[in-house]
Protein backbone atom coordinates (compact mmCIF):
# COMPACT_ATOMS: atom_id res chain seq x y z
CA MET A 1 -56.60 52.95 -26.19
CA SER A 2 -60.17 51.25 -27.87
CA GLU A 3 -62.45 50.62 -25.40
CA PRO A 4 -63.47 46.89 -24.76
CA THR A 5 -66.82 45.96 -27.25
CA THR A 6 -69.53 44.58 -25.81
CA GLY A 7 -69.12 41.02 -24.41
CA GLU A 8 -65.20 41.19 -24.38
CA THR A 9 -63.78 40.55 -20.67
CA PRO A 10 -61.02 43.01 -20.33
CA LYS A 11 -57.28 41.73 -19.07
CA PRO A 12 -56.52 42.83 -16.33
CA THR A 13 -53.48 45.27 -15.98
CA LEU A 14 -50.75 43.89 -12.92
CA THR A 15 -47.85 44.98 -11.60
CA PRO A 16 -45.06 44.17 -14.24
CA SER A 17 -42.95 41.66 -13.52
CA TRP A 18 -39.95 43.63 -12.57
CA SER A 19 -41.17 45.96 -10.48
CA LEU A 20 -42.40 43.20 -8.21
CA VAL A 21 -38.87 42.55 -7.47
CA PRO A 22 -37.82 45.33 -5.20
CA LYS A 23 -41.55 44.70 -3.71
CA SER A 24 -40.22 41.29 -2.23
CA PHE A 25 -37.08 42.75 -1.55
CA ALA A 26 -39.18 45.76 0.97
CA LEU A 27 -41.22 42.01 2.30
CA LEU A 28 -37.96 40.51 3.23
CA GLN A 29 -36.72 43.08 4.95
CA GLN A 30 -39.43 43.18 7.12
CA TYR A 31 -40.62 39.18 7.90
CA PHE A 32 -36.14 38.54 7.62
CA GLU A 33 -35.88 37.06 11.18
CA PRO A 34 -39.07 34.17 9.87
CA VAL A 35 -36.89 33.39 6.57
CA VAL A 36 -34.12 33.08 7.36
CA ILE A 37 -35.18 30.87 10.75
CA ILE A 38 -37.08 28.74 8.26
CA SER A 39 -36.15 28.96 4.60
CA VAL A 40 -32.24 29.13 4.57
CA LEU A 41 -30.85 27.92 8.40
CA PRO A 42 -32.40 24.17 6.72
CA LEU A 43 -30.39 24.57 3.77
CA LEU A 44 -27.38 25.89 5.73
CA THR A 45 -27.20 22.67 7.45
CA ILE A 46 -27.75 19.99 4.41
CA ASP A 47 -25.00 22.14 2.87
CA LEU A 48 -22.75 21.67 6.74
CA GLY A 49 -23.94 18.12 6.78
CA SER A 50 -21.80 17.28 3.10
CA LEU A 51 -19.00 19.68 4.23
CA LEU A 52 -18.45 17.65 7.01
CA LEU A 53 -18.94 14.75 4.61
CA LYS A 54 -16.05 16.07 2.32
CA GLY A 55 -14.11 16.21 5.71
CA GLY A 56 -14.21 12.97 6.51
CA VAL A 57 -15.96 13.60 9.96
CA GLY A 58 -18.98 10.73 10.22
CA LEU A 59 -21.45 12.69 11.86
CA GLY A 60 -21.75 14.83 8.51
CA PHE A 61 -24.32 12.38 6.78
CA LEU A 62 -26.66 13.03 10.53
CA VAL A 63 -26.40 16.86 9.73
CA SER A 64 -27.50 16.71 6.07
CA MET A 65 -30.41 14.20 7.41
CA VAL A 66 -31.18 16.85 9.80
CA GLY A 67 -31.31 19.49 7.28
CA LEU A 68 -33.25 16.94 4.57
CA VAL A 69 -35.57 16.57 7.24
CA TRP A 70 -35.91 20.01 8.28
CA THR A 71 -36.09 20.94 4.43
CA LEU A 72 -38.95 18.69 4.08
CA LEU A 73 -40.88 20.43 7.40
CA THR A 74 -40.73 23.92 6.50
CA ILE A 75 -42.51 23.37 3.39
CA ALA A 76 -45.74 24.73 4.44
CA ALA A 77 -44.25 26.79 6.91
CA GLN A 78 -42.54 28.30 3.76
CA ALA A 79 -45.58 28.70 1.91
CA ASN A 80 -47.70 30.12 4.98
CA LEU A 81 -45.04 32.96 5.50
CA GLN A 82 -44.84 33.95 2.14
CA VAL A 83 -49.10 34.48 1.83
CA SER A 84 -48.83 36.43 5.14
CA ALA A 85 -46.20 38.86 3.95
CA ALA A 86 -47.64 39.18 0.80
CA ARG A 87 -51.35 40.08 3.17
CA GLY A 88 -49.54 42.25 5.15
CA LYS A 89 -49.87 40.38 8.30
CA ARG A 90 -47.64 39.87 11.06
CA ILE A 91 -46.52 36.07 11.57
CA SER A 92 -44.06 34.50 13.94
CA VAL A 93 -41.82 31.50 12.71
CA SER A 94 -43.47 29.51 15.72
CA GLU A 95 -47.41 30.54 14.04
CA CYS A 96 -46.32 30.23 10.46
CA TYR A 97 -45.39 25.76 11.53
CA ASN A 98 -48.38 26.12 13.84
CA GLN A 99 -51.28 27.34 11.13
CA SER A 100 -49.21 25.38 8.19
CA TRP A 101 -49.31 22.00 9.21
CA ARG A 102 -53.07 20.93 8.41
CA TYR A 103 -51.49 22.16 4.75
CA TYR A 104 -48.64 20.23 4.35
CA TRP A 105 -49.36 17.07 3.10
CA ARG A 106 -51.78 18.25 0.21
CA LEU A 107 -48.60 20.32 -0.66
CA LEU A 108 -46.81 17.22 -0.35
CA GLY A 109 -49.16 15.60 -2.71
CA PHE A 110 -49.04 18.25 -4.79
CA GLY A 111 -46.02 19.03 -5.50
CA LEU A 112 -44.93 15.06 -6.04
CA LEU A 113 -48.58 15.29 -8.20
CA PHE A 114 -46.99 18.43 -10.52
CA THR A 115 -43.23 16.82 -10.72
CA ILE A 116 -44.38 13.46 -12.26
CA MET A 117 -46.97 16.03 -14.26
CA LEU A 118 -43.70 18.44 -15.91
CA MET A 119 -41.73 15.18 -16.36
CA ILE A 120 -44.19 13.61 -18.53
CA GLY A 121 -44.62 17.22 -20.15
CA PHE A 122 -41.01 17.08 -20.62
CA ILE A 123 -40.75 13.75 -22.32
CA LEU A 124 -43.53 13.87 -24.61
CA LEU A 125 -43.33 16.83 -25.98
CA ILE A 126 -42.34 20.44 -24.29
CA VAL A 127 -44.97 22.20 -25.25
CA PRO A 128 -47.11 20.69 -22.78
CA PHE A 129 -44.21 21.00 -20.02
CA PHE A 130 -45.34 24.85 -20.52
CA ILE A 131 -48.40 24.66 -20.64
CA LEU A 132 -48.41 22.70 -17.68
CA LEU A 133 -46.02 25.41 -16.10
CA ARG A 134 -47.97 27.78 -16.83
CA ARG A 135 -51.91 26.42 -15.36
CA TYR A 136 -50.46 25.33 -11.66
CA PHE A 137 -47.18 26.50 -9.95
CA LEU A 138 -48.94 29.34 -8.34
CA SER A 139 -51.14 26.29 -6.87
CA PRO A 140 -49.63 26.29 -3.36
CA TYR A 141 -51.26 29.61 -2.72
CA TYR A 142 -54.04 28.40 -3.70
CA ILE A 143 -54.39 25.87 -1.28
CA VAL A 144 -53.13 28.21 1.59
CA ASP A 145 -54.34 31.05 1.24
CA GLN A 146 -58.14 29.58 0.55
CA ASN A 147 -57.31 26.25 1.93
CA LEU A 148 -58.86 24.20 -1.25
CA SER A 149 -57.89 20.85 -2.25
CA ILE A 150 -55.57 19.72 -4.38
CA THR A 151 -57.90 19.37 -7.59
CA GLU A 152 -59.44 23.15 -6.08
CA ALA A 153 -56.74 24.64 -6.19
CA MET A 154 -55.26 23.48 -9.44
CA LYS A 155 -58.69 24.44 -11.16
CA ARG A 156 -58.70 27.58 -9.96
CA SER A 157 -54.94 28.35 -10.76
CA ALA A 158 -56.09 27.18 -14.60
CA ALA A 159 -58.72 29.56 -15.01
CA GLN A 160 -57.21 32.85 -12.84
CA THR A 161 -53.43 31.90 -14.41
CA LYS A 162 -55.13 31.92 -18.36
CA PRO A 163 -56.11 35.90 -18.65
CA THR A 164 -52.94 36.68 -16.85
CA ALA A 165 -50.44 33.63 -18.68
CA GLY A 166 -48.35 37.19 -19.81
CA TYR A 167 -47.83 38.13 -16.74
CA VAL A 168 -47.17 34.96 -15.32
CA TRP A 169 -44.83 34.65 -18.07
CA GLY A 170 -43.38 37.44 -17.06
CA THR A 171 -42.62 36.48 -13.37
CA LEU A 172 -41.37 33.42 -14.42
CA GLY A 173 -38.85 34.59 -17.02
CA VAL A 174 -37.49 37.91 -14.35
CA PHE A 175 -37.07 34.67 -11.64
CA VAL A 176 -34.75 32.78 -14.74
CA VAL A 177 -32.85 35.52 -14.91
CA LEU A 178 -32.45 36.25 -11.62
CA ALA A 179 -31.47 32.88 -10.57
CA ILE A 180 -28.73 32.54 -13.70
CA ALA A 181 -27.21 35.77 -12.43
CA VAL A 182 -27.18 34.33 -8.95
CA GLY A 183 -26.06 31.02 -10.08
CA ILE A 184 -22.50 32.98 -12.33
CA VAL A 185 -21.51 34.19 -9.05
CA SER A 186 -21.78 31.45 -7.16
CA ALA A 187 -20.06 29.35 -9.65
CA ILE A 188 -16.91 31.97 -9.14
CA PHE A 189 -16.54 30.60 -5.44
CA ALA A 190 -17.01 27.30 -6.42
CA GLY A 191 -13.26 26.60 -5.44
CA ILE A 192 -14.67 26.75 -1.94
CA PRO A 193 -15.82 24.01 -0.41
CA GLY A 194 -19.35 25.68 1.15
CA LEU A 195 -19.47 28.57 -0.39
CA PRO A 196 -20.89 28.08 -3.61
CA THR A 197 -24.38 27.35 -1.22
CA VAL A 198 -23.99 29.78 0.74
CA ILE A 199 -23.88 32.56 -2.11
CA ASP A 200 -26.77 31.21 -3.59
CA THR A 201 -29.53 31.30 -1.18
CA LEU A 202 -28.44 35.10 0.17
CA LEU A 203 -28.95 36.12 -3.39
CA SER A 204 -31.86 34.31 -3.76
CA LEU A 205 -33.40 35.76 -0.73
CA PRO A 206 -34.71 39.01 -2.46
CA PHE A 207 -37.16 37.44 -4.93
CA TYR A 208 -37.95 35.25 -2.27
CA PHE A 209 -41.33 36.46 -2.68
CA LEU A 210 -42.01 37.51 -5.98
CA PHE A 211 -44.24 34.50 -6.91
CA VAL A 212 -46.68 35.15 -4.06
CA LEU A 213 -46.96 38.54 -4.95
CA ARG A 214 -47.76 37.63 -8.63
CA TYR A 215 -50.55 35.19 -7.03
CA THR A 216 -51.46 37.85 -4.74
CA GLU A 217 -52.80 39.97 -7.33
CA ILE A 218 -53.99 37.31 -10.02
CA ALA A 219 -55.81 35.78 -7.36
CA HIS A 220 -57.09 39.00 -6.06
């Protein structure tokens, strides 16, 4: 292997993307209870509401709204849980919520801004869409882990993912492949009301920590 020439910055060597999957699964086993309470139950509540609506039960709309609001309120708690787990910090559900409120509006604001940017990038040209995706999709972890503003998090994410772009795309690729596989499995049970969502949610859990593990290597 050739040595870098003077003035040349060697590219960092990180964990191969597929190797992050078993690490993510190991974290899931350690943090299974908070993951289920914070991330799974809100989605299943929405699914239950949809089932009740299809069955003509008027309460279904209320249940769906409860699930939707609950899901929105977990945005910061999920990111806080993921960052804490990646750092090996034990954290309870109540601590996840209590510690994460200070990031909530920043994460919500970034989510809206990032969605608009991706939509514009996709409409104008597909290339800007992928450039924006690589630069900024890890920004929420910068906000939570380093307590940065939206703009600071986006700048740092863009700068630190540039020399590690191959690993970033590899991680996104692994996620897409696994998501497609999960979607195929859940589609098999499409004829059973409510079951596809349950299967999709549960089978997605093993790679719940995939992105935060990549962030941790890039940022630290």
